[in-house]
Amino acid sequence: MDPQVKASVSRIPLLRTKAGPRDGDQWTQRLKEEYGSLIKYVENNKETDTHWFNLESNAQGTRWYGTCWTYYKNEKYEFDMEFDLPVTYPQAAPEIALPALEGKTVKMYRGGKICMTTHFFPLWSRNVPYFGISHVLALGLGPWLSIEVPAMVEEGVLKPGSATAAATQASS
């Protein structure tokens, strides 16, 4: 693991409660831990000028949505993101979708879900229940964006400016 990534991840609080959305009061405790971990991760990113996403959830904490962005060759590429927590969460990691990029890269599944099976999901399974949503972002989506966006730009799939609009126009 890249030393900078390892240092960043080490500052994200680990979670303790092994509970999912169907676990009542234990889920409420887990959700508090999730929000605490996300807040700390965002604070850390802002302190180091590496903030790269906005995220919010429904009242139950089962559906998450927002935006994420990355820079390549001094251009910003921003995308809507969304994911639902699986019913077996936290045993199973969420699958993050970037709908505007569906079909633009082979590293993506139907519905615009990014591919994390080879590298991230095994790491997640070894760290249940300690990993949470902030870890999915830091170790799943972040690395995916840093690899796939430059590849799509170089292939001409994405254009500078409004990446979401460019991806939508390219599919028309």
N, C-alpha and C. Protein backbone atom coordinates (compact mmCIF):
# COMPACT_ATOMS: atom_id res chain seq x y z
N MET A 1 0.85 -1.18 0.00
CA MET A 1 0.00 0.00 0.00
C MET A 1 0.89 1.24 0.00
N ASP A 2 0.51 2.23 -0.78
CA ASP A 2 1.23 3.49 -0.86
C ASP A 2 1.33 4.11 0.55
N PRO A 3 2.52 4.58 0.95
CA PRO A 3 2.69 5.12 2.31
C PRO A 3 1.73 6.27 2.63
N GLN A 4 1.45 7.13 1.65
CA GLN A 4 0.53 8.25 1.88
C GLN A 4 -0.89 7.74 2.13
N VAL A 5 -1.30 6.72 1.38
CA VAL A 5 -2.64 6.13 1.57
C VAL A 5 -2.70 5.45 2.93
N LYS A 6 -1.65 4.72 3.27
CA LYS A 6 -1.61 4.02 4.55
C LYS A 6 -1.71 5.01 5.71
N ALA A 7 -1.00 6.12 5.61
CA ALA A 7 -1.06 7.14 6.65
C ALA A 7 -2.45 7.76 6.74
N SER A 8 -3.06 8.01 5.60
CA SER A 8 -4.40 8.59 5.56
C SER A 8 -5.41 7.65 6.19
N VAL A 9 -5.35 6.39 5.81
CA VAL A 9 -6.30 5.40 6.33
C VAL A 9 -6.09 5.17 7.82
N SER A 10 -4.87 5.25 8.29
CA SER A 10 -4.62 5.03 9.71
C SER A 10 -5.26 6.12 10.57
N ARG A 11 -5.60 7.26 9.98
CA ARG A 11 -6.26 8.34 10.71
C ARG A 11 -7.79 8.24 10.66
N ILE A 12 -8.32 7.24 9.96
CA ILE A 12 -9.76 7.03 9.93
C ILE A 12 -10.13 6.11 11.09
N PRO A 13 -11.03 6.56 11.96
CA PRO A 13 -11.40 5.71 13.10
C PRO A 13 -12.01 4.38 12.65
N LEU A 14 -11.63 3.33 13.34
CA LEU A 14 -12.22 2.01 13.10
C LEU A 14 -13.54 1.92 13.85
N LEU A 15 -14.43 1.10 13.34
CA LEU A 15 -15.74 0.91 13.97
C LEU A 15 -15.70 -0.33 14.85
N ARG A 16 -16.61 -0.41 15.81
CA ARG A 16 -16.61 -1.53 16.76
C ARG A 16 -17.87 -2.39 16.69
N THR A 17 -18.98 -1.76 16.39
CA THR A 17 -20.27 -2.46 16.48
C THR A 17 -20.53 -3.28 15.21
N LYS A 18 -20.75 -4.56 15.40
CA LYS A 18 -21.04 -5.45 14.28
C LYS A 18 -22.55 -5.58 14.15
N ALA A 19 -23.13 -4.59 13.43
CA ALA A 19 -24.59 -4.56 13.28
C ALA A 19 -24.94 -3.97 11.94
N GLY A 20 -26.06 -4.45 11.39
CA GLY A 20 -26.55 -3.96 10.11
C GLY A 20 -27.89 -3.28 10.27
N PRO A 21 -28.45 -2.80 9.16
CA PRO A 21 -29.70 -2.04 9.20
C PRO A 21 -30.89 -2.77 9.83
N ARG A 22 -30.85 -4.09 9.94
CA ARG A 22 -31.97 -4.83 10.53
C ARG A 22 -31.77 -5.13 12.01
N ASP A 23 -30.73 -4.53 12.62
CA ASP A 23 -30.37 -4.88 13.98
C ASP A 23 -30.80 -3.87 15.05
N GLY A 24 -31.82 -3.07 14.78
CA GLY A 24 -32.42 -2.19 15.78
C GLY A 24 -31.46 -1.22 16.43
N ASP A 25 -31.41 -1.27 17.78
CA ASP A 25 -30.58 -0.34 18.54
C ASP A 25 -29.09 -0.50 18.24
N GLN A 26 -28.67 -1.72 17.94
CA GLN A 26 -27.27 -1.92 17.59
C GLN A 26 -26.94 -1.19 16.28
N TRP A 27 -27.88 -1.16 15.34
CA TRP A 27 -27.68 -0.42 14.10
C TRP A 27 -27.55 1.08 14.38
N THR A 28 -28.35 1.58 15.31
CA THR A 28 -28.26 2.99 15.67
C THR A 28 -26.86 3.31 16.18
N GLN A 29 -26.31 2.42 17.01
CA GLN A 29 -24.95 2.60 17.52
C GLN A 29 -23.94 2.54 16.37
N ARG A 30 -24.09 1.57 15.49
CA ARG A 30 -23.19 1.44 14.33
C ARG A 30 -23.25 2.69 13.46
N LEU A 31 -24.45 3.19 13.23
CA LEU A 31 -24.63 4.38 12.40
C LEU A 31 -23.94 5.60 13.02
N LYS A 32 -24.00 5.72 14.34
CA LYS A 32 -23.28 6.80 15.02
C LYS A 32 -21.78 6.67 14.78
N GLU A 33 -21.28 5.44 14.85
CA GLU A 33 -19.86 5.20 14.59
C GLU A 33 -19.52 5.53 13.14
N GLU A 34 -20.41 5.17 12.21
CA GLU A 34 -20.19 5.47 10.78
C GLU A 34 -20.06 6.98 10.57
N TYR A 35 -21.03 7.73 11.12
CA TYR A 35 -20.99 9.19 10.96
C TYR A 35 -19.73 9.77 11.60
N GLY A 36 -19.37 9.29 12.76
CA GLY A 36 -18.15 9.78 13.43
C GLY A 36 -16.91 9.52 12.59
N SER A 37 -16.83 8.34 12.02
CA SER A 37 -15.69 7.98 11.17
C SER A 37 -15.66 8.85 9.91
N LEU A 38 -16.83 9.05 9.30
CA LEU A 38 -16.90 9.90 8.10
C LEU A 38 -16.52 11.35 8.41
N ILE A 39 -17.01 11.87 9.52
CA ILE A 39 -16.68 13.25 9.90
C ILE A 39 -15.18 13.40 10.10
N LYS A 40 -14.57 12.45 10.79
CA LYS A 40 -13.12 12.51 11.01
C LYS A 40 -12.36 12.41 9.69
N TYR A 41 -12.80 11.53 8.79
CA TYR A 41 -12.15 11.38 7.49
C TYR A 41 -12.24 12.68 6.69
N VAL A 42 -13.41 13.31 6.68
CA VAL A 42 -13.57 14.58 5.96
C VAL A 42 -12.68 15.66 6.59
N GLU A 43 -12.67 15.73 7.92
CA GLU A 43 -11.81 16.72 8.60
C GLU A 43 -10.34 16.51 8.23
N ASN A 44 -9.90 15.25 8.25
CA ASN A 44 -8.51 14.94 7.88
C ASN A 44 -8.22 15.38 6.45
N ASN A 45 -9.15 15.09 5.54
CA ASN A 45 -8.96 15.46 4.14
C ASN A 45 -8.90 16.97 3.97
N LYS A 46 -9.76 17.68 4.67
CA LYS A 46 -9.76 19.14 4.55
C LYS A 46 -8.49 19.74 5.12
N GLU A 47 -7.97 19.16 6.21
CA GLU A 47 -6.72 19.64 6.81
C GLU A 47 -5.55 19.50 5.85
N THR A 48 -5.57 18.46 5.02
CA THR A 48 -4.47 18.21 4.09
C THR A 48 -4.80 18.64 2.66
N ASP A 49 -5.91 19.38 2.51
CA ASP A 49 -6.37 19.88 1.21
C ASP A 49 -6.55 18.75 0.20
N THR A 50 -7.13 17.64 0.68
CA THR A 50 -7.40 16.50 -0.20
C THR A 50 -8.86 16.07 -0.14
N HIS A 51 -9.74 17.01 0.16
CA HIS A 51 -11.17 16.72 0.21
C HIS A 51 -11.66 16.39 -1.19
N TRP A 52 -12.39 15.29 -1.35
CA TRP A 52 -12.77 14.84 -2.70
C TRP A 52 -14.18 14.27 -2.82
N PHE A 53 -15.02 14.42 -1.82
CA PHE A 53 -16.38 13.92 -1.93
C PHE A 53 -17.31 14.67 -0.98
N ASN A 54 -18.60 14.65 -1.31
CA ASN A 54 -19.68 15.08 -0.43
C ASN A 54 -20.65 13.91 -0.37
N LEU A 55 -21.16 13.62 0.82
CA LEU A 55 -21.98 12.44 1.00
C LEU A 55 -23.07 12.71 2.02
N GLU A 56 -24.25 12.19 1.77
CA GLU A 56 -25.33 12.24 2.74
C GLU A 56 -26.14 10.95 2.62
N SER A 57 -27.02 10.74 3.59
CA SER A 57 -27.80 9.50 3.59
C SER A 57 -29.27 9.78 3.86
N ASN A 58 -30.08 8.75 3.65
CA ASN A 58 -31.48 8.84 4.07
C ASN A 58 -31.51 8.73 5.60
N ALA A 59 -32.67 8.91 6.19
CA ALA A 59 -32.80 8.92 7.66
C ALA A 59 -32.37 7.61 8.30
N GLN A 60 -32.57 6.50 7.61
CA GLN A 60 -32.22 5.18 8.17
C GLN A 60 -30.74 4.84 7.99
N GLY A 61 -30.02 5.62 7.18
CA GLY A 61 -28.61 5.34 6.94
C GLY A 61 -28.39 4.15 6.03
N THR A 62 -29.40 3.81 5.22
CA THR A 62 -29.27 2.64 4.34
C THR A 62 -29.00 3.03 2.89
N ARG A 63 -29.32 4.25 2.50
CA ARG A 63 -29.08 4.73 1.14
C ARG A 63 -28.22 5.98 1.22
N TRP A 64 -27.11 5.97 0.47
CA TRP A 64 -26.15 7.07 0.50
C TRP A 64 -25.98 7.64 -0.90
N TYR A 65 -25.78 8.94 -0.98
CA TYR A 65 -25.65 9.60 -2.27
C TYR A 65 -24.86 10.89 -2.10
N GLY A 66 -24.28 11.34 -3.18
CA GLY A 66 -23.50 12.57 -3.14
C GLY A 66 -22.69 12.73 -4.41
N THR A 67 -21.57 13.41 -4.29
CA THR A 67 -20.68 13.61 -5.42
C THR A 67 -19.26 13.29 -5.00
N CYS A 68 -18.47 12.92 -5.98
CA CYS A 68 -17.04 12.70 -5.77
C CYS A 68 -16.32 13.33 -6.95
N TRP A 69 -15.07 13.66 -6.75
CA TRP A 69 -14.32 14.28 -7.83
C TRP A 69 -12.84 13.93 -7.72
N THR A 70 -12.18 14.07 -8.84
CA THR A 70 -10.75 13.88 -8.90
C THR A 70 -10.20 14.86 -9.92
N TYR A 71 -8.91 15.09 -9.86
CA TYR A 71 -8.26 15.99 -10.81
C TYR A 71 -7.27 15.19 -11.64
N TYR A 72 -7.22 15.55 -12.90
CA TYR A 72 -6.25 14.94 -13.81
C TYR A 72 -5.82 16.01 -14.81
N LYS A 73 -4.53 16.22 -14.92
CA LYS A 73 -3.97 17.26 -15.80
C LYS A 73 -4.64 18.61 -15.54
N ASN A 74 -4.74 18.95 -14.26
CA ASN A 74 -5.30 20.23 -13.81
C ASN A 74 -6.76 20.45 -14.19
N GLU A 75 -7.48 19.40 -14.49
CA GLU A 75 -8.91 19.48 -14.79
C GLU A 75 -9.67 18.67 -13.75
N LYS A 76 -10.81 19.20 -13.35
CA LYS A 76 -11.66 18.52 -12.36
C LYS A 76 -12.69 17.66 -13.08
N TYR A 77 -12.83 16.42 -12.59
CA TYR A 77 -13.83 15.49 -13.09
C TYR A 77 -14.71 15.12 -11.91
N GLU A 78 -15.99 15.49 -11.99
CA GLU A 78 -16.92 15.30 -10.87
C GLU A 78 -18.07 14.39 -11.29
N PHE A 79 -18.47 13.52 -10.38
CA PHE A 79 -19.49 12.52 -10.67
C PHE A 79 -20.46 12.38 -9.52
N ASP A 80 -21.72 12.11 -9.85
CA ASP A 80 -22.69 11.72 -8.83
C ASP A 80 -22.37 10.30 -8.42
N MET A 81 -22.50 10.01 -7.13
CA MET A 81 -22.31 8.65 -6.64
C MET A 81 -23.48 8.25 -5.77
N GLU A 82 -23.68 6.96 -5.68
CA GLU A 82 -24.77 6.43 -4.85
C GLU A 82 -24.46 5.00 -4.46
N PHE A 83 -25.00 4.59 -3.34
CA PHE A 83 -24.93 3.19 -2.95
C PHE A 83 -25.93 2.90 -1.85
N ASP A 84 -26.37 1.67 -1.81
CA ASP A 84 -27.23 1.16 -0.76
C ASP A 84 -26.39 0.20 0.08
N LEU A 85 -26.65 0.18 1.38
CA LEU A 85 -25.97 -0.81 2.21
C LEU A 85 -26.65 -2.15 2.00
N PRO A 86 -25.86 -3.20 1.78
CA PRO A 86 -26.47 -4.53 1.61
C PRO A 86 -27.13 -4.99 2.91
N VAL A 87 -28.11 -5.86 2.80
CA VAL A 87 -28.79 -6.35 4.00
C VAL A 87 -27.83 -7.09 4.92
N THR A 88 -26.75 -7.60 4.40
CA THR A 88 -25.77 -8.32 5.22
C THR A 88 -24.64 -7.41 5.71
N TYR A 89 -24.78 -6.09 5.53
CA TYR A 89 -23.78 -5.14 6.01
C TYR A 89 -23.64 -5.27 7.51
N PRO A 90 -22.48 -5.26 8.09
CA PRO A 90 -21.17 -4.97 7.52
C PRO A 90 -20.39 -6.18 7.02
N GLN A 91 -20.99 -7.36 7.03
CA GLN A 91 -20.26 -8.52 6.50
C GLN A 91 -19.96 -8.33 5.01
N ALA A 92 -20.87 -7.70 4.28
CA ALA A 92 -20.67 -7.41 2.86
C ALA A 92 -20.50 -5.91 2.69
N ALA A 93 -19.53 -5.53 1.87
CA ALA A 93 -19.25 -4.11 1.62
C ALA A 93 -20.27 -3.53 0.65
N PRO A 94 -20.52 -2.23 0.76
CA PRO A 94 -21.41 -1.59 -0.22
C PRO A 94 -20.77 -1.56 -1.60
N GLU A 95 -21.59 -1.53 -2.63
CA GLU A 95 -21.11 -1.40 -4.00
C GLU A 95 -21.43 0.01 -4.47
N ILE A 96 -20.40 0.80 -4.70
CA ILE A 96 -20.58 2.20 -5.07
C ILE A 96 -20.83 2.30 -6.57
N ALA A 97 -21.83 3.12 -6.92
CA ALA A 97 -22.17 3.33 -8.33
C ALA A 97 -21.92 4.78 -8.73
N LEU A 98 -21.37 4.94 -9.92
CA LEU A 98 -21.21 6.24 -10.58
C LEU A 98 -22.01 6.13 -11.87
N PRO A 99 -23.33 6.35 -11.79
CA PRO A 99 -24.21 6.07 -12.94
C PRO A 99 -23.79 6.73 -14.25
N ALA A 100 -23.24 7.92 -14.22
CA ALA A 100 -22.87 8.62 -15.46
C ALA A 100 -21.76 7.91 -16.22
N LEU A 101 -21.02 7.04 -15.54
CA LEU A 101 -19.90 6.35 -16.19
C LEU A 101 -20.23 4.93 -16.63
N GLU A 102 -21.47 4.52 -16.44
CA GLU A 102 -21.84 3.16 -16.82
C GLU A 102 -21.47 2.88 -18.28
N GLY A 103 -20.76 1.78 -18.48
CA GLY A 103 -20.38 1.36 -19.82
C GLY A 103 -19.16 2.07 -20.39
N LYS A 104 -18.51 2.92 -19.60
CA LYS A 104 -17.36 3.68 -20.10
C LYS A 104 -16.03 2.99 -19.86
N THR A 105 -16.01 1.99 -18.99
CA THR A 105 -14.80 1.27 -18.67
C THR A 105 -15.14 -0.18 -18.34
N VAL A 106 -14.20 -1.07 -18.57
CA VAL A 106 -14.43 -2.48 -18.23
C VAL A 106 -14.37 -2.71 -16.73
N LYS A 107 -13.88 -1.73 -15.98
CA LYS A 107 -13.77 -1.86 -14.53
C LYS A 107 -15.06 -1.38 -13.83
N MET A 108 -16.18 -1.79 -14.43
CA MET A 108 -17.47 -1.35 -13.92
C MET A 108 -18.51 -2.42 -14.24
N TYR A 109 -19.49 -2.53 -13.35
CA TYR A 109 -20.57 -3.49 -13.55
C TYR A 109 -21.85 -2.77 -13.94
N ARG A 110 -22.87 -3.54 -14.26
CA ARG A 110 -24.17 -2.99 -14.63
C ARG A 110 -24.65 -2.03 -13.54
N GLY A 111 -25.26 -0.96 -13.99
CA GLY A 111 -25.76 0.05 -13.06
C GLY A 111 -24.70 1.06 -12.66
N GLY A 112 -23.54 0.99 -13.28
CA GLY A 112 -22.47 1.93 -12.96
C GLY A 112 -21.72 1.61 -11.69
N LYS A 113 -21.84 0.36 -11.20
CA LYS A 113 -21.12 -0.02 -9.98
C LYS A 113 -19.66 -0.26 -10.31
N ILE A 114 -18.79 0.36 -9.51
CA ILE A 114 -17.36 0.24 -9.78
C ILE A 114 -16.85 -1.13 -9.34
N CYS A 115 -15.83 -1.61 -10.01
CA CYS A 115 -15.25 -2.92 -9.71
C CYS A 115 -14.29 -2.80 -8.53
N MET A 116 -14.62 -3.48 -7.45
CA MET A 116 -13.73 -3.52 -6.28
C MET A 116 -13.49 -4.95 -5.83
N THR A 117 -13.93 -5.93 -6.63
CA THR A 117 -13.89 -7.32 -6.20
C THR A 117 -12.48 -7.85 -5.98
N THR A 118 -11.55 -7.53 -6.84
CA THR A 118 -10.22 -8.10 -6.76
C THR A 118 -9.39 -7.51 -5.63
N HIS A 119 -9.42 -6.21 -5.49
CA HIS A 119 -8.51 -5.56 -4.55
C HIS A 119 -9.14 -5.16 -3.22
N PHE A 120 -10.36 -4.64 -3.25
CA PHE A 120 -10.92 -4.11 -2.01
C PHE A 120 -11.75 -5.11 -1.22
N PHE A 121 -12.61 -5.89 -1.86
CA PHE A 121 -13.50 -6.77 -1.12
C PHE A 121 -12.76 -7.78 -0.23
N PRO A 122 -11.65 -8.37 -0.66
CA PRO A 122 -10.91 -9.26 0.26
C PRO A 122 -10.39 -8.51 1.50
N LEU A 123 -9.94 -7.27 1.30
CA LEU A 123 -9.47 -6.46 2.42
C LEU A 123 -10.63 -6.17 3.39
N TRP A 124 -11.78 -5.86 2.82
CA TRP A 124 -12.96 -5.60 3.65
C TRP A 124 -13.30 -6.83 4.49
N SER A 125 -13.34 -8.00 3.86
CA SER A 125 -13.76 -9.21 4.58
C SER A 125 -12.82 -9.55 5.73
N ARG A 126 -11.56 -9.17 5.62
CA ARG A 126 -10.59 -9.42 6.70
C ARG A 126 -10.73 -8.39 7.83
N ASN A 127 -11.49 -7.32 7.60
CA ASN A 127 -11.57 -6.24 8.58
C ASN A 127 -12.99 -5.95 9.07
N VAL A 128 -13.89 -6.94 8.95
CA VAL A 128 -15.24 -6.80 9.50
C VAL A 128 -15.14 -6.97 11.00
N PRO A 129 -15.73 -6.16 11.82
CA PRO A 129 -16.63 -5.04 11.57
C PRO A 129 -15.91 -3.68 11.61
N TYR A 130 -14.60 -3.69 11.58
CA TYR A 130 -13.83 -2.46 11.82
C TYR A 130 -13.91 -1.44 10.69
N PHE A 131 -14.07 -1.92 9.46
CA PHE A 131 -14.19 -1.00 8.32
C PHE A 131 -15.62 -0.54 8.16
N GLY A 132 -15.76 0.69 7.66
CA GLY A 132 -17.08 1.26 7.42
C GLY A 132 -17.08 2.03 6.11
N ILE A 133 -18.06 2.89 5.97
CA ILE A 133 -18.24 3.64 4.73
C ILE A 133 -17.02 4.49 4.39
N SER A 134 -16.42 5.11 5.39
CA SER A 134 -15.23 5.94 5.12
C SER A 134 -14.09 5.09 4.54
N HIS A 135 -14.00 3.84 4.95
CA HIS A 135 -12.96 2.95 4.43
C HIS A 135 -13.27 2.53 2.99
N VAL A 136 -14.56 2.34 2.68
CA VAL A 136 -14.95 2.03 1.30
C VAL A 136 -14.54 3.18 0.38
N LEU A 137 -14.74 4.40 0.85
CA LEU A 137 -14.37 5.56 0.05
C LEU A 137 -12.85 5.65 -0.09
N ALA A 138 -12.14 5.54 1.03
CA ALA A 138 -10.68 5.72 1.03
C ALA A 138 -9.93 4.62 0.29
N LEU A 139 -10.40 3.38 0.44
CA LEU A 139 -9.66 2.24 -0.12
C LEU A 139 -10.32 1.62 -1.34
N GLY A 140 -11.55 2.04 -1.64
CA GLY A 140 -12.26 1.50 -2.80
C GLY A 140 -12.44 2.54 -3.88
N LEU A 141 -13.29 3.53 -3.60
CA LEU A 141 -13.60 4.55 -4.61
C LEU A 141 -12.42 5.44 -4.93
N GLY A 142 -11.70 5.90 -3.94
CA GLY A 142 -10.57 6.81 -4.18
C GLY A 142 -9.54 6.23 -5.14
N PRO A 143 -9.01 5.04 -4.85
CA PRO A 143 -8.05 4.44 -5.78
C PRO A 143 -8.66 4.16 -7.16
N TRP A 144 -9.92 3.75 -7.19
CA TRP A 144 -10.58 3.49 -8.48
C TRP A 144 -10.60 4.76 -9.32
N LEU A 145 -11.00 5.87 -8.72
CA LEU A 145 -11.02 7.14 -9.46
C LEU A 145 -9.63 7.53 -9.96
N SER A 146 -8.62 7.35 -9.11
CA SER A 146 -7.27 7.78 -9.48
C SER A 146 -6.67 6.95 -10.61
N ILE A 147 -7.17 5.76 -10.82
CA ILE A 147 -6.70 4.91 -11.92
C ILE A 147 -7.60 5.03 -13.14
N GLU A 148 -8.90 4.92 -12.94
CA GLU A 148 -9.83 4.83 -14.07
C GLU A 148 -10.11 6.16 -14.77
N VAL A 149 -10.20 7.25 -14.02
CA VAL A 149 -10.48 8.54 -14.68
C VAL A 149 -9.36 8.92 -15.65
N PRO A 150 -8.08 8.87 -15.26
CA PRO A 150 -7.04 9.18 -16.24
C PRO A 150 -7.08 8.25 -17.47
N ALA A 151 -7.38 6.97 -17.24
CA ALA A 151 -7.47 6.03 -18.37
C ALA A 151 -8.60 6.42 -19.30
N MET A 152 -9.76 6.79 -18.75
CA MET A 152 -10.89 7.19 -19.59
C MET A 152 -10.61 8.50 -20.32
N VAL A 153 -9.90 9.42 -19.67
CA VAL A 153 -9.55 10.68 -20.33
C VAL A 153 -8.61 10.40 -21.50
N GLU A 154 -7.60 9.57 -21.27
CA GLU A 154 -6.63 9.27 -22.32
C GLU A 154 -7.28 8.52 -23.49
N GLU A 155 -8.30 7.73 -23.20
CA GLU A 155 -9.02 7.01 -24.26
C GLU A 155 -10.05 7.90 -24.96
N GLY A 156 -10.25 9.12 -24.44
CA GLY A 156 -11.20 10.03 -25.05
C GLY A 156 -12.64 9.83 -24.60
N VAL A 157 -12.85 9.01 -23.59
CA VAL A 157 -14.20 8.74 -23.08
C VAL A 157 -14.71 9.92 -22.25
N LEU A 158 -13.81 10.56 -21.51
CA LEU A 158 -14.16 11.74 -20.71
C LEU A 158 -13.43 12.95 -21.26
N LYS A 159 -14.11 14.09 -21.20
CA LYS A 159 -13.53 15.35 -21.64
C LYS A 159 -13.46 16.30 -20.44
N PRO A 160 -12.48 17.21 -20.44
CA PRO A 160 -12.41 18.20 -19.35
C PRO A 160 -13.68 19.05 -19.29
N GLY A 161 -13.88 19.69 -18.16
CA GLY A 161 -15.10 20.48 -17.96
C GLY A 161 -16.05 19.71 -17.11
N SER A 162 -17.25 19.59 -17.54
CA SER A 162 -18.25 18.84 -16.79
C SER A 162 -18.15 17.37 -17.18
N ALA A 163 -17.43 16.60 -16.37
CA ALA A 163 -17.23 15.18 -16.67
C ALA A 163 -18.55 14.43 -16.72
N THR A 164 -19.45 14.76 -15.82
CA THR A 164 -20.75 14.08 -15.82
C THR A 164 -21.50 14.38 -17.12
N ALA A 165 -21.49 15.63 -17.51
CA ALA A 165 -22.17 15.99 -18.76
C ALA A 165 -21.48 15.35 -19.96
N ALA A 166 -20.15 15.33 -19.95
CA ALA A 166 -19.41 14.73 -21.05
C ALA A 166 -19.69 13.23 -21.15
N ALA A 167 -19.76 12.57 -19.99
CA ALA A 167 -20.05 11.14 -19.99
C ALA A 167 -21.46 10.89 -20.51
N THR A 168 -22.39 11.75 -20.12
CA THR A 168 -23.78 11.61 -20.58
C THR A 168 -23.87 11.83 -22.08
N GLN A 169 -23.19 12.88 -22.58
CA GLN A 169 -23.22 13.18 -24.00
C GLN A 169 -22.57 12.07 -24.81
N ALA A 170 -21.50 11.49 -24.29
CA ALA A 170 -20.79 10.44 -25.02
C ALA A 170 -21.67 9.20 -25.19
N SER A 171 -22.60 8.98 -24.26
CA SER A 171 -23.46 7.81 -24.34
C SER A 171 -24.66 8.05 -25.27
N SER A 172 -24.89 9.31 -25.66
CA SER A 172 -26.02 9.63 -26.54
C SER A 172 -25.75 9.25 -27.97
